[in-house]
């Protein structure tokens, strides 16, 4: 509570804007769904790389020689490639899900990674001595969250705007949540010593590059749009909005807020992304309303995620919040 009393008022205004920013990404992505999803994901990461570049350059100039040399060590390079691959898989799966299910379902399932982390912790703690077991509140939250997800699945076939809820689309969004855990693990290892913008820039660049040959191999319309198709007039404004609103205002804004308030406040705030993103899609882009079972299961899923976030020790919440907001 002390942090709340000492937090400047402008930080709360920025936090509201940042949460709106990150929540807008799904609806913005759906406005350019004629572009193949893997290529769309690469374009997003390309622009994010450009946004991160000046911040990474400033940090690089201020980083000592020992840290710079450590970046080029074999283990570091492997972790960076692993993090970039996980980020590419995360964005590829999530953007593909936006074409195969409703906006609300995509946002609900892709933000479920705290539940996946709890399952992973239970498995690891069982086989590895000294690893932290999830708290009782975290386990209860995970169970509630999975129950909400199961209830929401009953809406298969519901039409929301121009998109229909499908099991395959929900599965792709859920896999996006699974893959982002790999990104978080990479960040947890490397962010102990690597400056955040240097790490985010390298991993995001790797993710953008990986998605290019993936799109070429798997998407027949790759040649129609090209590697840098986002520079064309019909797409540029949409992807600029993704970079500036979801990227700069959203993720950079959350990073800024972390300096002035508790990471628990940030982690709690971003749990409303599925709700707020759905409202943005409905009000601004006429994406329609969720089905009956999503109205029931969705809030239960969000409550479960919230319990997991609040049940974590503060130090863990801090690290995971830092890595989550670095994601673009």
C-alpha atoms as a PDB file:
ATOM      1  CA  UNK A   1       0.000   0.000   0.000  1.00  0.00           C
ATOM      2  CA  UNK A   2       2.951   2.300   0.580  1.00  0.00           C
ATOM      3  CA  UNK A   3       3.811   2.238  -3.139  1.00  0.00           C
ATOM      4  CA  UNK A   4       0.271   3.304  -3.980  1.00  0.00           C
ATOM      5  CA  UNK A   5       0.509   6.353  -1.683  1.00  0.00           C
ATOM      6  CA  UNK A   6       3.810   7.484  -3.241  1.00  0.00           C
ATOM      7  CA  UNK A   7       2.894   6.800  -6.869  1.00  0.00           C
ATOM      8  CA  UNK A   8       2.479  10.016  -8.917  1.00  0.00           C
ATOM      9  CA  UNK A   9      -1.002  10.589 -10.326  1.00  0.00           C
ATOM     10  CA  UNK A  10       0.279  10.648 -13.917  1.00  0.00           C
ATOM     11  CA  UNK A  11       1.437   7.033 -13.526  1.00  0.00           C
ATOM     12  CA  UNK A  12      -2.163   5.870 -12.980  1.00  0.00           C
ATOM     13  CA  UNK A  13      -3.238   7.768 -16.112  1.00  0.00           C
ATOM     14  CA  UNK A  14      -0.387   6.158 -18.056  1.00  0.00           C
ATOM     15  CA  UNK A  15      -1.284   2.730 -16.645  1.00  0.00           C
ATOM     16  CA  UNK A  16      -4.868   3.066 -17.890  1.00  0.00           C
ATOM     17  CA  UNK A  17      -3.606   4.095 -21.328  1.00  0.00           C
ATOM     18  CA  UNK A  18      -1.046   1.269 -21.369  1.00  0.00           C
ATOM     19  CA  UNK A  19      -3.647  -1.391 -20.520  1.00  0.00           C
ATOM     20  CA  UNK A  20      -5.878  -0.028 -23.293  1.00  0.00           C
ATOM     21  CA  UNK A  21      -2.853  -0.132 -25.591  1.00  0.00           C
ATOM     22  CA  UNK A  22      -1.953  -3.785 -25.042  1.00  0.00           C
ATOM     23  CA  UNK A  23      -5.633  -4.747 -25.163  1.00  0.00           C
ATOM     24  CA  UNK A  24      -6.059  -3.229 -28.635  1.00  0.00           C
ATOM     25  CA  UNK A  25      -3.600  -5.538 -30.403  1.00  0.00           C
ATOM     26  CA  UNK A  26      -6.015  -8.394 -31.147  1.00  0.00           C
ATOM     27  CA  UNK A  27      -8.658  -6.151 -32.697  1.00  0.00           C
ATOM     28  CA  UNK A  28      -6.025  -4.301 -34.748  1.00  0.00           C
ATOM     29  CA  UNK A  29      -4.594  -7.575 -36.058  1.00  0.00           C
ATOM     30  CA  UNK A  30      -8.049  -8.672 -37.205  1.00  0.00           C
ATOM     31  CA  UNK A  31      -8.406  -5.580 -39.391  1.00  0.00           C
ATOM     32  CA  UNK A  32      -5.672  -6.858 -41.737  1.00  0.00           C
ATOM     33  CA  UNK A  33      -6.669 -10.524 -41.776  1.00  0.00           C
ATOM     34  CA  UNK A  34      -6.250 -10.757 -45.555  1.00  0.00           C
ATOM     35  CA  UNK A  35      -2.490 -10.995 -44.840  1.00  0.00           C
ATOM     36  CA  UNK A  36      -1.378 -14.551 -43.890  1.00  0.00           C
ATOM     37  CA  UNK A  37      -1.015 -14.864 -40.100  1.00  0.00           C
ATOM     38  CA  UNK A  38       2.663 -15.871 -39.906  1.00  0.00           C
ATOM     39  CA  UNK A  39       3.642 -13.019 -42.194  1.00  0.00           C
ATOM     40  CA  UNK A  40       1.416 -10.653 -40.217  1.00  0.00           C
ATOM     41  CA  UNK A  41       3.175 -11.746 -37.022  1.00  0.00           C
ATOM     42  CA  UNK A  42       6.587 -11.165 -38.616  1.00  0.00           C
ATOM     43  CA  UNK A  43       5.582  -7.680 -39.725  1.00  0.00           C
ATOM     44  CA  UNK A  44       4.496  -6.855 -36.181  1.00  0.00           C
ATOM     45  CA  UNK A  45       7.808  -8.042 -34.749  1.00  0.00           C
ATOM     46  CA  UNK A  46       9.750  -6.195 -37.448  1.00  0.00           C
ATOM     47  CA  UNK A  47       8.139  -2.906 -36.453  1.00  0.00           C
ATOM     48  CA  UNK A  48       8.611  -3.703 -32.779  1.00  0.00           C
ATOM     49  CA  UNK A  49      12.309  -4.276 -33.459  1.00  0.00           C
ATOM     50  CA  UNK A  50      12.547  -0.822 -35.008  1.00  0.00           C
ATOM     51  CA  UNK A  51      10.840   0.701 -31.976  1.00  0.00           C
ATOM     52  CA  UNK A  52      13.175  -1.123 -29.571  1.00  0.00           C
ATOM     53  CA  UNK A  53      16.351  -0.375 -31.545  1.00  0.00           C
ATOM     54  CA  UNK A  54      17.146   3.137 -30.197  1.00  0.00           C
ATOM     55  CA  UNK A  55      16.521   2.062 -26.588  1.00  0.00           C
ATOM     56  CA  UNK A  56      18.734  -1.006 -27.090  1.00  0.00           C
ATOM     57  CA  UNK A  57      21.474   1.142 -28.634  1.00  0.00           C
ATOM     58  CA  UNK A  58      21.454   3.517 -25.664  1.00  0.00           C
ATOM     59  CA  UNK A  59      21.705   0.585 -23.238  1.00  0.00           C
ATOM     60  CA  UNK A  60      24.484  -1.007 -25.303  1.00  0.00           C
ATOM     61  CA  UNK A  61      26.561   2.187 -25.118  1.00  0.00           C
ATOM     62  CA  UNK A  62      26.132   2.272 -21.342  1.00  0.00           C
ATOM     63  CA  UNK A  63      26.854  -1.446 -20.802  1.00  0.00           C
ATOM     64  CA  UNK A  64      30.257  -2.495 -19.490  1.00  0.00           C
ATOM     65  CA  UNK A  65      32.634  -4.679 -21.505  1.00  0.00           C
ATOM     66  CA  UNK A  66      32.162  -7.754 -19.323  1.00  0.00           C
ATOM     67  CA  UNK A  67      28.410  -7.871 -19.952  1.00  0.00           C
ATOM     68  CA  UNK A  68      28.913  -7.274 -23.676  1.00  0.00           C
ATOM     69  CA  UNK A  69      31.321 -10.197 -23.936  1.00  0.00           C
ATOM     70  CA  UNK A  70      28.904 -12.427 -22.008  1.00  0.00           C
ATOM     71  CA  UNK A  71      26.224 -11.784 -24.633  1.00  0.00           C
ATOM     72  CA  UNK A  72      28.391 -13.514 -27.252  1.00  0.00           C
ATOM     73  CA  UNK A  73      28.974 -16.641 -25.165  1.00  0.00           C
ATOM     74  CA  UNK A  74      27.547 -19.922 -26.495  1.00  0.00           C
ATOM     75  CA  UNK A  75      25.005 -20.455 -23.703  1.00  0.00           C
ATOM     76  CA  UNK A  76      23.702 -16.909 -24.013  1.00  0.00           C
ATOM     77  CA  UNK A  77      23.297 -17.232 -27.779  1.00  0.00           C
ATOM     78  CA  UNK A  78      21.385 -20.516 -27.349  1.00  0.00           C
ATOM     79  CA  UNK A  79      19.045 -18.936 -24.788  1.00  0.00           C
ATOM     80  CA  UNK A  80      18.482 -15.929 -27.071  1.00  0.00           C
ATOM     81  CA  UNK A  81      17.686 -18.181 -30.036  1.00  0.00           C
ATOM     82  CA  UNK A  82      15.370 -20.249 -27.832  1.00  0.00           C
ATOM     83  CA  UNK A  83      13.602 -17.114 -26.616  1.00  0.00           C
ATOM     84  CA  UNK A  84      13.267 -15.800 -30.183  1.00  0.00           C
ATOM     85  CA  UNK A  85      11.892 -19.131 -31.382  1.00  0.00           C
ATOM     86  CA  UNK A  86       9.374 -19.210 -28.520  1.00  0.00           C
ATOM     87  CA  UNK A  87       8.315 -15.639 -29.299  1.00  0.00           C
ATOM     88  CA  UNK A  88       7.882 -16.502 -32.993  1.00  0.00           C
ATOM     89  CA  UNK A  89       5.785 -19.558 -32.121  1.00  0.00           C
ATOM     90  CA  UNK A  90       3.753 -17.506 -29.651  1.00  0.00           C
ATOM     91  CA  UNK A  91       2.919 -14.753 -32.125  1.00  0.00           C
ATOM     92  CA  UNK A  92       2.449 -17.152 -35.029  1.00  0.00           C
ATOM     93  CA  UNK A  93      -0.036 -19.267 -33.057  1.00  0.00           C
ATOM     94  CA  UNK A  94      -1.876 -16.313 -31.564  1.00  0.00           C
ATOM     95  CA  UNK A  95      -2.263 -14.329 -34.801  1.00  0.00           C
ATOM     96  CA  UNK A  96      -3.422 -17.514 -36.570  1.00  0.00           C
ATOM     97  CA  UNK A  97      -6.000 -18.020 -33.820  1.00  0.00           C
ATOM     98  CA  UNK A  98      -7.449 -14.566 -34.518  1.00  0.00           C
ATOM     99  CA  UNK A  99      -8.436 -15.863 -37.960  1.00  0.00           C
ATOM    100  CA  UNK A 100      -9.890 -19.131 -36.657  1.00  0.00           C
ATOM    101  CA  UNK A 101     -11.884 -18.109 -33.575  1.00  0.00           C
ATOM    102  CA  UNK A 102     -13.528 -15.064 -32.028  1.00  0.00           C
ATOM    103  CA  UNK A 103     -11.562 -12.101 -30.682  1.00  0.00           C
ATOM    104  CA  UNK A 104     -12.754 -12.784 -27.124  1.00  0.00           C
ATOM    105  CA  UNK A 105     -11.789 -16.464 -27.189  1.00  0.00           C
ATOM    106  CA  UNK A 106      -8.389 -15.696 -28.695  1.00  0.00           C
ATOM    107  CA  UNK A 107      -7.625 -13.143 -25.970  1.00  0.00           C
ATOM    108  CA  UNK A 108      -8.925 -15.388 -23.185  1.00  0.00           C
ATOM    109  CA  UNK A 109      -6.836 -18.398 -24.130  1.00  0.00           C
ATOM    110  CA  UNK A 110      -3.630 -16.583 -25.082  1.00  0.00           C
ATOM    111  CA  UNK A 111      -3.535 -14.781 -21.721  1.00  0.00           C
ATOM    112  CA  UNK A 112      -3.845 -18.081 -19.814  1.00  0.00           C
ATOM    113  CA  UNK A 113      -0.075 -18.599 -19.530  1.00  0.00           C
ATOM    114  CA  UNK A 114      -0.059 -18.096 -15.724  1.00  0.00           C
ATOM    115  CA  UNK A 115      -2.178 -21.262 -15.482  1.00  0.00           C
ATOM    116  CA  UNK A 116       0.320 -23.150 -17.643  1.00  0.00           C
ATOM    117  CA  UNK A 117       3.192 -21.954 -15.466  1.00  0.00           C
ATOM    118  CA  UNK A 118       1.473 -23.402 -12.382  1.00  0.00           C
ATOM    119  CA  UNK A 119       1.108 -26.799 -14.070  1.00  0.00           C
ATOM    120  CA  UNK A 120       4.775 -26.667 -15.063  1.00  0.00           C
ATOM    121  CA  UNK A 121       5.796 -25.755 -11.517  1.00  0.00           C
ATOM    122  CA  UNK A 122       3.854 -28.711 -10.121  1.00  0.00           C
ATOM    123  CA  UNK A 123       5.591 -31.110 -12.507  1.00  0.00           C
ATOM    124  CA  UNK A 124       9.074 -29.669 -11.948  1.00  0.00           C
ATOM    125  CA  UNK A 125       8.683 -29.565  -8.154  1.00  0.00           C
ATOM    126  CA  UNK A 126       7.719 -33.236  -8.193  1.00  0.00           C
ATOM    127  CA  UNK A 127      10.939 -34.330  -9.907  1.00  0.00           C
ATOM    128  CA  UNK A 128      13.455 -31.665  -8.851  1.00  0.00           C
ATOM    129  CA  UNK A 129      14.452 -31.010  -5.242  1.00  0.00           C
ATOM    130  CA  UNK A 130      14.538 -27.384  -4.132  1.00  0.00           C
ATOM    131  CA  UNK A 131      12.118 -26.046  -6.707  1.00  0.00           C
ATOM    132  CA  UNK A 132       9.290 -23.862  -5.378  1.00  0.00           C
ATOM    133  CA  UNK A 133       5.886 -25.500  -5.263  1.00  0.00           C
ATOM    134  CA  UNK A 134       2.860 -23.397  -6.176  1.00  0.00           C
ATOM    135  CA  UNK A 135       1.026 -21.871  -3.235  1.00  0.00           C
ATOM    136  CA  UNK A 136      -2.465 -23.011  -2.306  1.00  0.00           C
ATOM    137  CA  UNK A 137      -3.946 -19.840  -3.785  1.00  0.00           C
ATOM    138  CA  UNK A 138      -2.056 -20.384  -7.047  1.00  0.00           C
ATOM    139  CA  UNK A 139      -3.319 -23.973  -7.348  1.00  0.00           C
ATOM    140  CA  UNK A 140      -6.905 -22.943  -6.584  1.00  0.00           C
ATOM    141  CA  UNK A 141      -6.607 -20.113  -9.106  1.00  0.00           C
ATOM    142  CA  UNK A 142      -5.319 -22.492 -11.784  1.00  0.00           C
ATOM    143  CA  UNK A 143      -8.190 -24.922 -11.169  1.00  0.00           C
ATOM    144  CA  UNK A 144     -10.731 -22.093 -11.368  1.00  0.00           C
ATOM    145  CA  UNK A 145      -9.100 -20.774 -14.524  1.00  0.00           C
ATOM    146  CA  UNK A 146      -9.174 -24.129 -16.303  1.00  0.00           C
ATOM    147  CA  UNK A 147     -12.817 -24.569 -15.253  1.00  0.00           C
ATOM    148  CA  UNK A 148     -13.647 -21.204 -16.842  1.00  0.00           C
ATOM    149  CA  UNK A 149     -11.820 -22.222 -20.032  1.00  0.00           C
ATOM    150  CA  UNK A 150     -13.816 -25.469 -20.255  1.00  0.00           C
ATOM    151  CA  UNK A 151     -17.101 -23.584 -19.816  1.00  0.00           C
ATOM    152  CA  UNK A 152     -16.138 -21.078 -22.521  1.00  0.00           C
ATOM    153  CA  UNK A 153     -15.476 -23.962 -24.933  1.00  0.00           C
ATOM    154  CA  UNK A 154     -19.227 -24.700 -24.993  1.00  0.00           C
ATOM    155  CA  UNK A 155     -19.594 -21.694 -27.313  1.00  0.00           C
ATOM    156  CA  UNK A 156     -18.129 -23.592 -30.287  1.00  0.00           C
ATOM    157  CA  UNK A 157     -19.852 -22.405 -33.468  1.00  0.00           C
ATOM    158  CA  UNK A 158     -20.940 -19.036 -32.053  1.00  0.00           C
ATOM    159  CA  UNK A 159     -20.532 -16.171 -34.517  1.00  0.00           C
ATOM    160  CA  UNK A 160     -18.854 -13.040 -33.113  1.00  0.00           C
ATOM    161  CA  UNK A 161     -18.622 -10.392 -35.789  1.00  0.00           C
ATOM    162  CA  UNK A 162     -16.969 -11.937 -38.853  1.00  0.00           C
ATOM    163  CA  UNK A 163     -15.365 -14.759 -36.869  1.00  0.00           C
ATOM    164  CA  UNK A 164     -16.711 -18.085 -35.614  1.00  0.00           C
ATOM    165  CA  UNK A 165     -15.589 -19.772 -32.394  1.00  0.00           C
ATOM    166  CA  UNK A 166     -13.817 -23.032 -33.261  1.00  0.00           C
ATOM    167  CA  UNK A 167     -11.943 -25.580 -31.185  1.00  0.00           C
ATOM    168  CA  UNK A 168      -8.952 -25.302 -33.524  1.00  0.00           C
ATOM    169  CA  UNK A 169      -8.800 -21.532 -33.113  1.00  0.00           C
ATOM    170  CA  UNK A 170      -9.059 -21.805 -29.326  1.00  0.00           C
ATOM    171  CA  UNK A 171      -6.311 -24.453 -29.394  1.00  0.00           C
ATOM    172  CA  UNK A 172      -4.027 -22.150 -31.419  1.00  0.00           C
ATOM    173  CA  UNK A 173      -4.564 -19.339 -28.914  1.00  0.00           C
ATOM    174  CA  UNK A 174      -3.851 -21.715 -26.027  1.00  0.00           C
ATOM    175  CA  UNK A 175      -0.649 -22.861 -27.771  1.00  0.00           C
ATOM    176  CA  UNK A 176       0.280 -19.196 -28.008  1.00  0.00           C
ATOM    177  CA  UNK A 177       0.069 -19.115 -24.216  1.00  0.00           C
ATOM    178  CA  UNK A 178       2.159 -22.301 -23.965  1.00  0.00           C
ATOM    179  CA  UNK A 179       4.889 -20.930 -26.233  1.00  0.00           C
ATOM    180  CA  UNK A 180       5.098 -17.605 -24.412  1.00  0.00           C
ATOM    181  CA  UNK A 181       6.154 -19.533 -21.298  1.00  0.00           C
ATOM    182  CA  UNK A 182       9.341 -20.445 -23.190  1.00  0.00           C
ATOM    183  CA  UNK A 183       9.913 -16.759 -23.839  1.00  0.00           C
ATOM    184  CA  UNK A 184       9.390 -15.998 -20.148  1.00  0.00           C
ATOM    185  CA  UNK A 185      11.842 -18.726 -19.122  1.00  0.00           C
ATOM    186  CA  UNK A 186      14.464 -17.356 -21.502  1.00  0.00           C
ATOM    187  CA  UNK A 187      13.906 -13.897 -20.076  1.00  0.00           C
ATOM    188  CA  UNK A 188      14.090 -15.179 -16.498  1.00  0.00           C
ATOM    189  CA  UNK A 189      17.534 -16.671 -17.192  1.00  0.00           C
ATOM    190  CA  UNK A 190      19.030 -13.824 -19.204  1.00  0.00           C
ATOM    191  CA  UNK A 191      17.425 -10.823 -17.519  1.00  0.00           C
ATOM    192  CA  UNK A 192      19.388 -11.554 -14.352  1.00  0.00           C
ATOM    193  CA  UNK A 193      22.287  -9.732 -15.980  1.00  0.00           C
ATOM    194  CA  UNK A 194      21.271  -8.566 -19.481  1.00  0.00           C
ATOM    195  CA  UNK A 195      19.701  -5.091 -19.886  1.00  0.00           C
ATOM    196  CA  UNK A 196      16.020  -5.370 -20.768  1.00  0.00           C
ATOM    197  CA  UNK A 197      15.996  -3.484 -24.079  1.00  0.00           C
ATOM    198  CA  UNK A 198      19.073  -5.291 -25.381  1.00  0.00           C
ATOM    199  CA  UNK A 199      17.428  -8.603 -24.541  1.00  0.00           C
ATOM    200  CA  UNK A 200      14.029  -7.628 -25.989  1.00  0.00           C
ATOM    201  CA  UNK A 201      15.579  -6.223 -29.179  1.00  0.00           C
ATOM    202  CA  UNK A 202      17.649  -9.332 -29.930  1.00  0.00           C
ATOM    203  CA  UNK A 203      14.870 -11.813 -29.147  1.00  0.00           C
ATOM    204  CA  UNK A 204      12.255  -9.827 -31.078  1.00  0.00           C
ATOM    205  CA  UNK A 205      14.569  -9.562 -34.097  1.00  0.00           C
ATOM    206  CA  UNK A 206      15.199 -13.319 -34.012  1.00  0.00           C
ATOM    207  CA  UNK A 207      11.439 -13.958 -33.788  1.00  0.00           C
ATOM    208  CA  UNK A 208      10.757 -11.674 -36.767  1.00  0.00           C
ATOM    209  CA  UNK A 209      13.421 -13.407 -38.875  1.00  0.00           C
ATOM    210  CA  UNK A 210      12.240 -16.937 -37.994  1.00  0.00           C
ATOM    211  CA  UNK A 211       8.684 -16.151 -39.086  1.00  0.00           C
ATOM    212  CA  UNK A 212       9.791 -15.091 -42.592  1.00  0.00           C
ATOM    213  CA  UNK A 213      10.888 -18.550 -43.902  1.00  0.00           C
ATOM    214  CA  UNK A 214       8.028 -20.127 -41.937  1.00  0.00           C
ATOM    215  CA  UNK A 215       5.547 -17.950 -43.821  1.00  0.00           C
ATOM    216  CA  UNK A 216       7.310 -18.614 -47.143  1.00  0.00           C
ATOM    217  CA  UNK A 217       7.089 -22.382 -46.590  1.00  0.00           C
ATOM    218  CA  UNK A 218       3.554 -22.571 -45.209  1.00  0.00           C
ATOM    219  CA  UNK A 219       1.586 -19.647 -46.655  1.00  0.00           C
ATOM    220  CA  UNK A 220       0.841 -19.605 -50.370  1.00  0.00           C
ATOM    221  CA  UNK A 221       0.197 -15.840 -50.459  1.00  0.00           C
ATOM    222  CA  UNK A 222       3.642 -14.962 -49.078  1.00  0.00           C
ATOM    223  CA  UNK A 223       4.935 -13.736 -52.453  1.00  0.00           C
ATOM    224  CA  UNK A 224       1.861 -11.545 -52.948  1.00  0.00           C
ATOM    225  CA  UNK A 225       2.661  -9.421 -49.886  1.00  0.00           C
ATOM    226  CA  UNK A 226       6.427  -9.820 -49.420  1.00  0.00           C
ATOM    227  CA  UNK A 227       8.775  -9.633 -46.452  1.00  0.00           C
ATOM    228  CA  UNK A 228       8.313  -5.898 -45.878  1.00  0.00           C
ATOM    229  CA  UNK A 229       4.743  -5.538 -47.110  1.00  0.00           C
ATOM    230  CA  UNK A 230       3.829  -3.534 -44.027  1.00  0.00           C
ATOM    231  CA  UNK A 231       5.506  -0.522 -45.663  1.00  0.00           C
ATOM    232  CA  UNK A 232       2.716  -0.328 -48.275  1.00  0.00           C
ATOM    233  CA  UNK A 233       0.050   2.337 -47.740  1.00  0.00           C
ATOM    234  CA  UNK A 234      -2.911   0.042 -47.128  1.00  0.00           C
ATOM    235  CA  UNK A 235      -1.110  -1.792 -44.309  1.00  0.00           C
ATOM    236  CA  UNK A 236       1.315   0.797 -42.964  1.00  0.00           C
ATOM    237  CA  UNK A 237      -1.157   2.698 -40.782  1.00  0.00           C
ATOM    238  CA  UNK A 238      -2.513  -0.496 -39.187  1.00  0.00           C
ATOM    239  CA  UNK A 239       0.922  -1.809 -38.310  1.00  0.00           C
ATOM    240  CA  UNK A 240       2.081   1.623 -37.221  1.00  0.00           C
ATOM    241  CA  UNK A 241      -0.915   1.641 -34.859  1.00  0.00           C
ATOM    242  CA  UNK A 242       0.145  -1.788 -33.580  1.00  0.00           C
ATOM    243  CA  UNK A 243       3.681  -0.514 -32.984  1.00  0.00           C
ATOM    244  CA  UNK A 244       2.721   2.809 -31.403  1.00  0.00           C
ATOM    245  CA  UNK A 245      -0.495   1.944 -29.520  1.00  0.00           C
ATOM    246  CA  UNK A 246       0.105  -1.673 -28.495  1.00  0.00           C
ATOM    247  CA  UNK A 247       3.914  -1.382 -28.490  1.00  0.00           C
ATOM    248  CA  UNK A 248       5.007   2.074 -27.325  1.00  0.00           C
ATOM    249  CA  UNK A 249       1.924   3.142 -25.329  1.00  0.00           C
ATOM    250  CA  UNK A 250       1.118  -0.400 -24.180  1.00  0.00           C
ATOM    251  CA  UNK A 251       4.309  -2.297 -23.422  1.00  0.00           C
ATOM    252  CA  UNK A 252       6.696   0.636 -22.984  1.00  0.00           C
ATOM    253  CA  UNK A 253       4.042   2.358 -20.868  1.00  0.00           C
ATOM    254  CA  UNK A 254       3.786  -0.689 -18.598  1.00  0.00           C
ATOM    255  CA  UNK A 255       7.579  -0.784 -18.298  1.00  0.00           C
ATOM    256  CA  UNK A 256       7.532   2.869 -17.243  1.00  0.00           C
ATOM    257  CA  UNK A 257       4.796   2.247 -14.672  1.00  0.00           C
ATOM    258  CA  UNK A 258       6.873  -0.574 -13.175  1.00  0.00           C
ATOM    259  CA  UNK A 259       9.400   2.020 -12.012  1.00  0.00           C
ATOM    260  CA  UNK A 260       6.815   3.794  -9.874  1.00  0.00           C
ATOM    261  CA  UNK A 261       4.396   1.159  -8.615  1.00  0.00           C
ATOM    262  CA  UNK A 262       4.216  -2.453  -7.506  1.00  0.00           C
ATOM    263  CA  UNK A 263       4.668  -5.162 -10.176  1.00  0.00           C
ATOM    264  CA  UNK A 264       1.615  -6.825  -8.618  1.00  0.00           C
ATOM    265  CA  UNK A 265      -0.434  -3.791  -9.699  1.00  0.00           C
ATOM    266  CA  UNK A 266       0.843  -4.206 -13.272  1.00  0.00           C
ATOM    267  CA  UNK A 267       0.257  -7.965 -13.359  1.00  0.00           C
ATOM    268  CA  UNK A 268      -3.246  -7.521 -11.967  1.00  0.00           C
ATOM    269  CA  UNK A 269      -4.069  -4.738 -14.427  1.00  0.00           C
ATOM    270  CA  UNK A 270      -3.200  -6.770 -17.528  1.00  0.00           C
ATOM    271  CA  UNK A 271      -5.569  -9.588 -16.530  1.00  0.00           C
ATOM    272  CA  UNK A 272      -8.407  -7.407 -17.849  1.00  0.00           C
ATOM    273  CA  UNK A 273      -6.959  -7.590 -21.387  1.00  0.00           C
ATOM    274  CA  UNK A 274      -9.518 -10.161 -22.676  1.00  0.00           C
ATOM    275  CA  UNK A 275     -12.409  -8.069 -21.352  1.00  0.00           C
ATOM    276  CA  UNK A 276     -11.066  -4.717 -22.481  1.00  0.00           C
ATOM    277  CA  UNK A 277      -9.894  -6.102 -25.834  1.00  0.00           C
ATOM    278  CA  UNK A 278     -13.379  -7.470 -26.490  1.00  0.00           C
ATOM    279  CA  UNK A 279     -14.935  -4.104 -25.652  1.00  0.00           C
ATOM    280  CA  UNK A 280     -12.509  -2.331 -28.017  1.00  0.00           C
ATOM    281  CA  UNK A 281     -13.367  -4.822 -30.767  1.00  0.00           C
ATOM    282  CA  UNK A 282     -17.108  -4.356 -30.244  1.00  0.00           C
ATOM    283  CA  UNK A 283     -17.221  -0.578 -29.840  1.00  0.00           C
ATOM    284  CA  UNK A 284     -14.607   0.517 -32.384  1.00  0.00           C
ATOM    285  CA  UNK A 285     -14.457  -2.314 -34.928  1.00  0.00           C
ATOM    286  CA  UNK A 286     -17.949  -3.839 -34.684  1.00  0.00           C
ATOM    287  CA  UNK A 287     -16.551  -7.287 -33.874  1.00  0.00           C
ATOM    288  CA  UNK A 288     -19.750  -8.408 -32.131  1.00  0.00           C
ATOM    289  CA  UNK A 289     -20.439  -9.770 -28.641  1.00  0.00           C
ATOM    290  CA  UNK A 290     -19.324 -13.087 -27.126  1.00  0.00           C
ATOM    291  CA  UNK A 291     -21.704 -16.033 -26.796  1.00  0.00           C
ATOM    292  CA  UNK A 292     -23.595 -17.062 -23.652  1.00  0.00           C
ATOM    293  CA  UNK A 293     -21.055 -19.583 -22.363  1.00  0.00           C
ATOM    294  CA  UNK A 294     -18.183 -17.153 -22.898  1.00  0.00           C
ATOM    295  CA  UNK A 295     -19.973 -14.636 -20.685  1.00  0.00           C
ATOM    296  CA  UNK A 296     -20.006 -17.335 -17.982  1.00  0.00           C
ATOM    297  CA  UNK A 297     -16.627 -18.999 -18.476  1.00  0.00           C
ATOM    298  CA  UNK A 298     -14.609 -15.941 -19.476  1.00  0.00           C
ATOM    299  CA  UNK A 299     -14.886 -14.061 -16.168  1.00  0.00           C
ATOM    300  CA  UNK A 300     -14.220 -17.318 -14.263  1.00  0.00           C
ATOM    301  CA  UNK A 301     -11.033 -17.792 -16.307  1.00  0.00           C
ATOM    302  CA  UNK A 302      -9.949 -14.206 -15.598  1.00  0.00           C
ATOM    303  CA  UNK A 303     -10.631 -14.647 -11.861  1.00  0.00           C
ATOM    304  CA  UNK A 304      -8.505 -17.802 -11.891  1.00  0.00           C
ATOM    305  CA  UNK A 305      -5.604 -15.977 -13.553  1.00  0.00           C
ATOM    306  CA  UNK A 306      -5.985 -13.130 -11.066  1.00  0.00           C
ATOM    307  CA  UNK A 307      -5.766 -15.558  -8.123  1.00  0.00           C
ATOM    308  CA  UNK A 308      -2.612 -17.095  -9.607  1.00  0.00           C
ATOM    309  CA  UNK A 309      -1.026 -13.646  -9.992  1.00  0.00           C
ATOM    310  CA  UNK A 310      -1.951 -12.561  -6.451  1.00  0.00           C
ATOM    311  CA  UNK A 311      -0.937 -15.900  -4.965  1.00  0.00           C
ATOM    312  CA  UNK A 312       2.644 -15.701  -6.239  1.00  0.00           C
ATOM    313  CA  UNK A 313       5.452 -14.437  -3.953  1.00  0.00           C
ATOM    314  CA  UNK A 314       6.176 -10.784  -4.670  1.00  0.00           C
ATOM    315  CA  UNK A 315       9.685 -11.477  -6.002  1.00  0.00           C
ATOM    316  CA  UNK A 316       8.327 -13.942  -8.567  1.00  0.00           C
ATOM    317  CA  UNK A 317       5.547 -11.570  -9.539  1.00  0.00           C
ATOM    318  CA  UNK A 318       8.185  -8.904 -10.081  1.00  0.00           C
ATOM    319  CA  UNK A 319      10.281 -10.998 -12.455  1.00  0.00           C
ATOM    320  CA  UNK A 320       7.328 -12.349 -14.427  1.00  0.00           C
ATOM    321  CA  UNK A 321       5.805  -8.894 -14.761  1.00  0.00           C
ATOM    322  CA  UNK A 322       9.061  -7.519 -16.124  1.00  0.00           C
ATOM    323  CA  UNK A 323       9.301 -10.269 -18.726  1.00  0.00           C
ATOM    324  CA  UNK A 324       5.608 -10.089 -19.635  1.00  0.00           C
ATOM    325  CA  UNK A 325       5.661  -6.373 -20.360  1.00  0.00           C
ATOM    326  CA  UNK A 326       8.856  -6.742 -22.405  1.00  0.00           C
ATOM    327  CA  UNK A 327       6.883  -8.985 -24.761  1.00  0.00           C
ATOM    328  CA  UNK A 328       5.590  -7.059 -27.751  1.00  0.00           C
END
